[in-house]
Amino acid sequence: MPVPKNALKWFEIPVSNFDRARKFYNTVFNFELQEARVRGNRMGLFPCGEQHGGVGGAIVEGPDAVPSQRGCVVYFYCGPDLSEVLERVPGAGGRIVHEKAPISNEQEMGYQAVFTDSEGNRIGLHSEA
C-alpha cells in the first residue's frame, strides 16, 4: 500500500445528546454541522474539503456511541492560531483541560490545547502559532 496523504480518513465523535452537542460544536467552531442519518445513527457532519483530499468526520448519536474521556483524542486544525476557538469552549458548555501550549520546545510543531466537549469527550486543537 502506498503512503497515504493523510493518516486519517474519517472520524466519529460519540455524543449522548445530539442537539446539545451540535449546538456546542457549531458555537465553538463557528460553522454549521449538517445532519444526516447513517446506519441508523444520527450524525452531524463537519464541513471539510473531502473532494480536495481533506479529512471528514461527524458527531454521532446512536446505540454504540458512548462518549469517553479515555479513548482516542481527535485534534482539529484551527488555522494560524487556535486561541479564538479555545476561547469559545467554556461559553458553549465545555471545559478547558490543557491551555494552549507549544507541542515541543525542541522542534517547531505548532501549538495544541485540549478541552472536554459538552458530552465529556476529550478533543484537541492544533495551530501554527
N, C-alpha and C. Protein backbone atom coordinates (compact mmCIF):
# COMPACT_ATOMS: atom_id res chain seq x y z
N MET A 1 0.84 -1.17 0.00
CA MET A 1 0.00 0.00 0.00
C MET A 1 0.90 1.24 0.00
N PRO A 2 0.62 2.23 -0.84
CA PRO A 2 1.42 3.46 -0.84
C PRO A 2 1.12 4.28 0.42
N VAL A 3 2.05 5.15 0.79
CA VAL A 3 1.86 6.01 1.95
C VAL A 3 0.74 7.01 1.63
N PRO A 4 -0.30 7.07 2.47
CA PRO A 4 -1.42 7.96 2.18
C PRO A 4 -1.06 9.42 2.48
N LYS A 5 -1.80 10.34 1.85
CA LYS A 5 -1.62 11.77 2.09
C LYS A 5 -1.93 12.12 3.54
N ASN A 6 -2.98 11.54 4.09
CA ASN A 6 -3.39 11.75 5.48
C ASN A 6 -3.44 10.40 6.19
N ALA A 7 -3.04 10.37 7.45
CA ALA A 7 -3.14 9.14 8.22
C ALA A 7 -4.58 8.84 8.60
N LEU A 8 -5.41 9.84 8.57
CA LEU A 8 -6.80 9.73 8.97
C LEU A 8 -7.71 10.03 7.79
N LYS A 9 -8.77 9.25 7.61
CA LYS A 9 -9.73 9.49 6.53
C LYS A 9 -11.06 9.97 7.07
N TRP A 10 -11.47 9.49 8.21
CA TRP A 10 -12.78 9.80 8.77
C TRP A 10 -12.71 9.64 10.27
N PHE A 11 -13.45 10.44 11.02
CA PHE A 11 -13.53 10.28 12.47
C PHE A 11 -14.98 10.46 12.91
N GLU A 12 -15.31 9.85 14.03
CA GLU A 12 -16.64 9.98 14.61
C GLU A 12 -16.48 10.25 16.10
N ILE A 13 -17.14 11.31 16.58
CA ILE A 13 -17.12 11.68 17.99
C ILE A 13 -18.47 11.26 18.57
N PRO A 14 -18.48 10.32 19.53
CA PRO A 14 -19.75 9.86 20.10
C PRO A 14 -20.40 10.93 20.98
N VAL A 15 -21.72 11.07 20.87
CA VAL A 15 -22.46 12.02 21.69
C VAL A 15 -23.70 11.35 22.27
N SER A 16 -24.10 11.78 23.46
CA SER A 16 -25.30 11.22 24.07
C SER A 16 -26.51 12.12 23.85
N ASN A 17 -26.30 13.41 23.56
CA ASN A 17 -27.38 14.34 23.30
C ASN A 17 -27.02 15.09 22.02
N PHE A 18 -27.57 14.66 20.91
CA PHE A 18 -27.20 15.20 19.61
C PHE A 18 -27.41 16.70 19.51
N ASP A 19 -28.56 17.18 19.91
CA ASP A 19 -28.86 18.61 19.77
C ASP A 19 -27.90 19.46 20.60
N ARG A 20 -27.64 19.06 21.82
CA ARG A 20 -26.70 19.80 22.68
C ARG A 20 -25.31 19.78 22.07
N ALA A 21 -24.84 18.62 21.61
CA ALA A 21 -23.51 18.50 21.03
C ALA A 21 -23.39 19.30 19.74
N ARG A 22 -24.42 19.26 18.91
CA ARG A 22 -24.39 20.02 17.66
C ARG A 22 -24.29 21.51 17.95
N LYS A 23 -25.08 21.99 18.91
CA LYS A 23 -25.01 23.40 19.30
C LYS A 23 -23.62 23.75 19.82
N PHE A 24 -23.03 22.86 20.63
CA PHE A 24 -21.69 23.09 21.16
C PHE A 24 -20.67 23.25 20.03
N TYR A 25 -20.60 22.30 19.11
CA TYR A 25 -19.61 22.36 18.03
C TYR A 25 -19.88 23.51 17.06
N ASN A 26 -21.15 23.80 16.77
CA ASN A 26 -21.47 24.95 15.93
C ASN A 26 -20.97 26.25 16.56
N THR A 27 -21.12 26.37 17.87
CA THR A 27 -20.70 27.57 18.59
C THR A 27 -19.18 27.67 18.66
N VAL A 28 -18.52 26.60 19.05
CA VAL A 28 -17.07 26.62 19.23
C VAL A 28 -16.36 26.89 17.91
N PHE A 29 -16.74 26.21 16.83
CA PHE A 29 -16.04 26.34 15.56
C PHE A 29 -16.67 27.37 14.62
N ASN A 30 -17.83 27.92 15.01
CA ASN A 30 -18.47 28.96 14.22
C ASN A 30 -18.81 28.50 12.80
N PHE A 31 -19.40 27.30 12.71
CA PHE A 31 -19.92 26.79 11.45
C PHE A 31 -21.13 25.93 11.74
N GLU A 32 -21.75 25.37 10.72
CA GLU A 32 -22.97 24.60 10.87
C GLU A 32 -22.75 23.14 10.48
N LEU A 33 -22.91 22.22 11.44
CA LEU A 33 -22.85 20.79 11.14
C LEU A 33 -24.13 20.40 10.41
N GLN A 34 -23.99 19.69 9.31
CA GLN A 34 -25.15 19.23 8.55
C GLN A 34 -25.60 17.87 9.10
N GLU A 35 -26.89 17.71 9.31
CA GLU A 35 -27.41 16.47 9.88
C GLU A 35 -27.64 15.42 8.81
N ALA A 36 -27.34 14.16 9.17
CA ALA A 36 -27.58 13.02 8.28
C ALA A 36 -27.91 11.80 9.13
N ARG A 37 -28.56 10.83 8.52
CA ARG A 37 -28.82 9.54 9.16
C ARG A 37 -27.99 8.50 8.42
N VAL A 38 -27.16 7.78 9.16
CA VAL A 38 -26.28 6.78 8.56
C VAL A 38 -26.33 5.53 9.43
N ARG A 39 -26.66 4.39 8.83
CA ARG A 39 -26.72 3.11 9.54
C ARG A 39 -27.54 3.21 10.84
N GLY A 40 -28.60 3.96 10.82
CA GLY A 40 -29.46 4.11 11.99
C GLY A 40 -28.97 5.12 13.01
N ASN A 41 -27.84 5.76 12.76
CA ASN A 41 -27.29 6.76 13.67
C ASN A 41 -27.62 8.16 13.19
N ARG A 42 -27.77 9.06 14.13
CA ARG A 42 -27.93 10.48 13.81
C ARG A 42 -26.54 11.10 13.81
N MET A 43 -26.18 11.76 12.72
CA MET A 43 -24.84 12.30 12.58
C MET A 43 -24.87 13.78 12.24
N GLY A 44 -23.89 14.51 12.75
CA GLY A 44 -23.67 15.91 12.41
C GLY A 44 -22.34 15.99 11.69
N LEU A 45 -22.38 16.29 10.40
CA LEU A 45 -21.18 16.24 9.56
C LEU A 45 -20.39 17.54 9.62
N PHE A 46 -19.09 17.42 9.95
CA PHE A 46 -18.22 18.58 9.96
C PHE A 46 -17.92 19.01 8.53
N PRO A 47 -17.95 20.31 8.25
CA PRO A 47 -17.61 20.77 6.90
C PRO A 47 -16.13 20.54 6.62
N CYS A 48 -15.82 20.09 5.42
CA CYS A 48 -14.43 19.87 5.03
C CYS A 48 -14.35 19.81 3.51
N GLY A 49 -13.15 19.83 3.00
CA GLY A 49 -12.92 19.75 1.57
C GLY A 49 -12.51 18.35 1.16
N GLU A 50 -13.36 17.36 1.42
CA GLU A 50 -13.01 15.96 1.09
C GLU A 50 -12.67 15.79 -0.39
N GLN A 51 -13.36 16.52 -1.26
CA GLN A 51 -13.09 16.38 -2.69
C GLN A 51 -11.68 16.88 -3.04
N HIS A 52 -11.04 17.62 -2.12
CA HIS A 52 -9.68 18.12 -2.34
C HIS A 52 -8.67 17.41 -1.44
N GLY A 53 -9.03 16.24 -0.92
CA GLY A 53 -8.13 15.47 -0.09
C GLY A 53 -8.26 15.73 1.40
N GLY A 54 -9.27 16.52 1.81
CA GLY A 54 -9.48 16.80 3.23
C GLY A 54 -10.04 15.60 3.96
N VAL A 55 -9.97 15.62 5.27
CA VAL A 55 -10.45 14.54 6.12
C VAL A 55 -11.79 14.95 6.72
N GLY A 56 -12.79 14.09 6.62
CA GLY A 56 -14.12 14.37 7.14
C GLY A 56 -14.38 13.65 8.44
N GLY A 57 -15.47 14.06 9.08
CA GLY A 57 -15.87 13.43 10.33
C GLY A 57 -17.22 13.92 10.78
N ALA A 58 -17.69 13.38 11.91
CA ALA A 58 -19.03 13.71 12.38
C ALA A 58 -19.15 13.46 13.88
N ILE A 59 -20.14 14.14 14.48
CA ILE A 59 -20.60 13.73 15.80
C ILE A 59 -21.65 12.65 15.53
N VAL A 60 -21.76 11.67 16.42
CA VAL A 60 -22.65 10.53 16.18
C VAL A 60 -23.44 10.20 17.43
N GLU A 61 -24.77 10.12 17.28
CA GLU A 61 -25.64 9.66 18.35
C GLU A 61 -26.28 8.35 17.89
N GLY A 62 -26.08 7.31 18.67
CA GLY A 62 -26.64 6.00 18.34
C GLY A 62 -26.35 5.02 19.45
N PRO A 63 -26.84 3.79 19.31
CA PRO A 63 -26.69 2.82 20.39
C PRO A 63 -25.25 2.47 20.76
N ASP A 64 -24.32 2.57 19.83
CA ASP A 64 -22.93 2.24 20.13
C ASP A 64 -22.06 3.48 20.35
N ALA A 65 -22.65 4.67 20.33
CA ALA A 65 -21.90 5.91 20.51
C ALA A 65 -21.90 6.29 21.98
N VAL A 66 -20.77 6.04 22.65
CA VAL A 66 -20.65 6.29 24.08
C VAL A 66 -19.49 7.27 24.31
N PRO A 67 -19.79 8.52 24.72
CA PRO A 67 -18.72 9.48 24.96
C PRO A 67 -17.76 8.99 26.05
N SER A 68 -16.50 9.42 25.95
CA SER A 68 -15.49 8.99 26.92
C SER A 68 -14.34 9.98 26.98
N GLN A 69 -13.73 10.09 28.14
CA GLN A 69 -12.51 10.88 28.30
C GLN A 69 -11.28 10.00 28.22
N ARG A 70 -11.45 8.72 27.95
CA ARG A 70 -10.34 7.78 27.98
C ARG A 70 -9.98 7.18 26.62
N GLY A 71 -10.70 7.54 25.60
CA GLY A 71 -10.43 6.98 24.29
C GLY A 71 -9.49 7.85 23.47
N CYS A 72 -9.58 7.71 22.18
CA CYS A 72 -8.75 8.49 21.26
C CYS A 72 -9.06 9.98 21.38
N VAL A 73 -8.09 10.80 21.04
CA VAL A 73 -8.29 12.24 21.01
C VAL A 73 -8.15 12.72 19.57
N VAL A 74 -9.16 13.39 19.06
CA VAL A 74 -9.15 13.97 17.73
C VAL A 74 -8.67 15.41 17.86
N TYR A 75 -7.71 15.82 17.02
CA TYR A 75 -7.21 17.19 17.02
C TYR A 75 -7.74 17.91 15.79
N PHE A 76 -8.43 19.03 16.02
CA PHE A 76 -8.94 19.86 14.94
C PHE A 76 -7.91 20.93 14.60
N TYR A 77 -7.68 21.13 13.31
CA TYR A 77 -6.80 22.19 12.86
C TYR A 77 -7.55 23.51 12.92
N CYS A 78 -6.94 24.53 13.53
CA CYS A 78 -7.61 25.82 13.75
C CYS A 78 -6.94 26.97 13.03
N GLY A 79 -6.24 26.69 11.93
CA GLY A 79 -5.59 27.77 11.18
C GLY A 79 -4.35 28.27 11.89
N PRO A 80 -4.05 29.55 11.70
CA PRO A 80 -2.80 30.08 12.25
C PRO A 80 -2.76 30.17 13.78
N ASP A 81 -3.93 30.34 14.47
CA ASP A 81 -3.93 30.49 15.92
C ASP A 81 -5.20 29.90 16.51
N LEU A 82 -5.06 28.93 17.40
CA LEU A 82 -6.21 28.24 17.99
C LEU A 82 -6.90 29.03 19.10
N SER A 83 -6.33 30.16 19.52
CA SER A 83 -6.84 30.91 20.68
C SER A 83 -8.31 31.30 20.56
N GLU A 84 -8.72 31.76 19.39
CA GLU A 84 -10.11 32.21 19.21
C GLU A 84 -11.09 31.05 19.40
N VAL A 85 -10.76 29.90 18.85
CA VAL A 85 -11.63 28.72 19.01
C VAL A 85 -11.67 28.30 20.48
N LEU A 86 -10.51 28.23 21.13
CA LEU A 86 -10.43 27.80 22.52
C LEU A 86 -11.22 28.73 23.44
N GLU A 87 -11.22 30.01 23.17
CA GLU A 87 -11.95 30.98 24.00
C GLU A 87 -13.45 30.72 24.01
N ARG A 88 -13.99 30.12 22.96
CA ARG A 88 -15.43 29.87 22.88
C ARG A 88 -15.87 28.60 23.63
N VAL A 89 -14.93 27.76 24.01
CA VAL A 89 -15.26 26.47 24.63
C VAL A 89 -16.08 26.61 25.93
N PRO A 90 -15.62 27.37 26.93
CA PRO A 90 -16.39 27.44 28.18
C PRO A 90 -17.81 27.99 27.99
N GLY A 91 -17.98 29.02 27.18
CA GLY A 91 -19.30 29.59 26.95
C GLY A 91 -20.25 28.66 26.22
N ALA A 92 -19.69 27.69 25.50
CA ALA A 92 -20.51 26.73 24.76
C ALA A 92 -20.86 25.51 25.61
N GLY A 93 -20.30 25.42 26.81
CA GLY A 93 -20.61 24.29 27.69
C GLY A 93 -19.49 23.28 27.85
N GLY A 94 -18.29 23.60 27.37
CA GLY A 94 -17.15 22.71 27.51
C GLY A 94 -16.22 23.17 28.62
N ARG A 95 -15.13 22.43 28.81
CA ARG A 95 -14.16 22.75 29.85
C ARG A 95 -12.76 22.60 29.28
N ILE A 96 -11.92 23.60 29.48
CA ILE A 96 -10.54 23.54 29.01
C ILE A 96 -9.74 22.64 29.94
N VAL A 97 -9.09 21.62 29.36
CA VAL A 97 -8.29 20.67 30.13
C VAL A 97 -6.82 21.10 30.11
N HIS A 98 -6.30 21.44 28.93
CA HIS A 98 -4.93 21.92 28.76
C HIS A 98 -4.97 23.21 27.95
N GLU A 99 -4.50 24.28 28.53
CA GLU A 99 -4.43 25.56 27.83
C GLU A 99 -3.49 25.46 26.63
N LYS A 100 -3.55 26.42 25.76
CA LYS A 100 -2.68 26.47 24.59
C LYS A 100 -1.22 26.47 25.04
N ALA A 101 -0.43 25.60 24.41
CA ALA A 101 1.00 25.48 24.73
C ALA A 101 1.73 24.92 23.51
N PRO A 102 3.05 25.19 23.41
CA PRO A 102 3.82 24.58 22.32
C PRO A 102 3.79 23.06 22.44
N ILE A 103 3.73 22.39 21.30
CA ILE A 103 3.75 20.93 21.30
C ILE A 103 5.12 20.43 21.74
N SER A 104 6.16 21.10 21.28
CA SER A 104 7.54 20.70 21.62
C SER A 104 8.38 21.95 21.82
N ASN A 105 9.28 21.92 22.78
CA ASN A 105 10.23 23.01 22.97
C ASN A 105 11.46 22.83 22.11
N GLU A 106 11.65 21.62 21.57
CA GLU A 106 12.83 21.31 20.77
C GLU A 106 12.59 21.44 19.26
N GLN A 107 11.35 21.22 18.83
CA GLN A 107 11.03 21.22 17.41
C GLN A 107 9.87 22.17 17.13
N GLU A 108 9.86 22.75 15.95
CA GLU A 108 8.74 23.60 15.52
C GLU A 108 7.59 22.70 15.08
N MET A 109 6.64 22.47 15.96
CA MET A 109 5.50 21.61 15.65
C MET A 109 4.16 22.33 15.85
N GLY A 110 4.22 23.60 16.21
CA GLY A 110 3.00 24.35 16.44
C GLY A 110 2.53 24.27 17.88
N TYR A 111 1.24 24.54 18.05
CA TYR A 111 0.65 24.62 19.39
C TYR A 111 -0.56 23.70 19.47
N GLN A 112 -0.87 23.32 20.70
CA GLN A 112 -2.04 22.49 20.93
C GLN A 112 -2.75 22.92 22.20
N ALA A 113 -4.00 22.53 22.31
CA ALA A 113 -4.81 22.69 23.51
C ALA A 113 -5.78 21.52 23.54
N VAL A 114 -6.30 21.19 24.72
CA VAL A 114 -7.27 20.09 24.84
C VAL A 114 -8.44 20.59 25.69
N PHE A 115 -9.65 20.23 25.27
CA PHE A 115 -10.84 20.56 26.05
C PHE A 115 -11.75 19.35 26.14
N THR A 116 -12.72 19.43 27.04
CA THR A 116 -13.77 18.43 27.15
C THR A 116 -15.02 19.05 26.54
N ASP A 117 -15.66 18.35 25.61
CA ASP A 117 -16.85 18.89 24.96
C ASP A 117 -18.08 18.75 25.85
N SER A 118 -19.22 19.15 25.34
CA SER A 118 -20.47 19.11 26.11
C SER A 118 -20.88 17.70 26.49
N GLU A 119 -20.30 16.68 25.85
CA GLU A 119 -20.66 15.29 26.10
C GLU A 119 -19.64 14.54 26.97
N GLY A 120 -18.50 15.18 27.26
CA GLY A 120 -17.48 14.54 28.08
C GLY A 120 -16.31 13.96 27.30
N ASN A 121 -16.23 14.17 25.99
CA ASN A 121 -15.10 13.69 25.17
C ASN A 121 -13.94 14.67 25.27
N ARG A 122 -12.71 14.12 25.27
CA ARG A 122 -11.51 14.97 25.15
C ARG A 122 -11.31 15.27 23.67
N ILE A 123 -11.14 16.56 23.36
CA ILE A 123 -10.95 17.00 21.98
C ILE A 123 -9.75 17.94 21.96
N GLY A 124 -8.90 17.80 20.93
CA GLY A 124 -7.71 18.63 20.81
C GLY A 124 -7.84 19.67 19.73
N LEU A 125 -7.03 20.73 19.86
CA LEU A 125 -6.93 21.77 18.86
C LEU A 125 -5.47 21.92 18.48
N HIS A 126 -5.20 22.28 17.22
CA HIS A 126 -3.82 22.47 16.75
C HIS A 126 -3.75 23.73 15.89
N SER A 127 -2.64 24.46 16.02
CA SER A 127 -2.38 25.62 15.16
C SER A 127 -0.88 25.85 15.05
N GLU A 128 -0.49 26.70 14.09
CA GLU A 128 0.93 27.01 13.91
C GLU A 128 1.45 27.93 14.99
N ALA A 129 0.62 28.86 15.46
CA ALA A 129 1.06 29.84 16.47
C ALA A 129 0.06 29.91 17.61
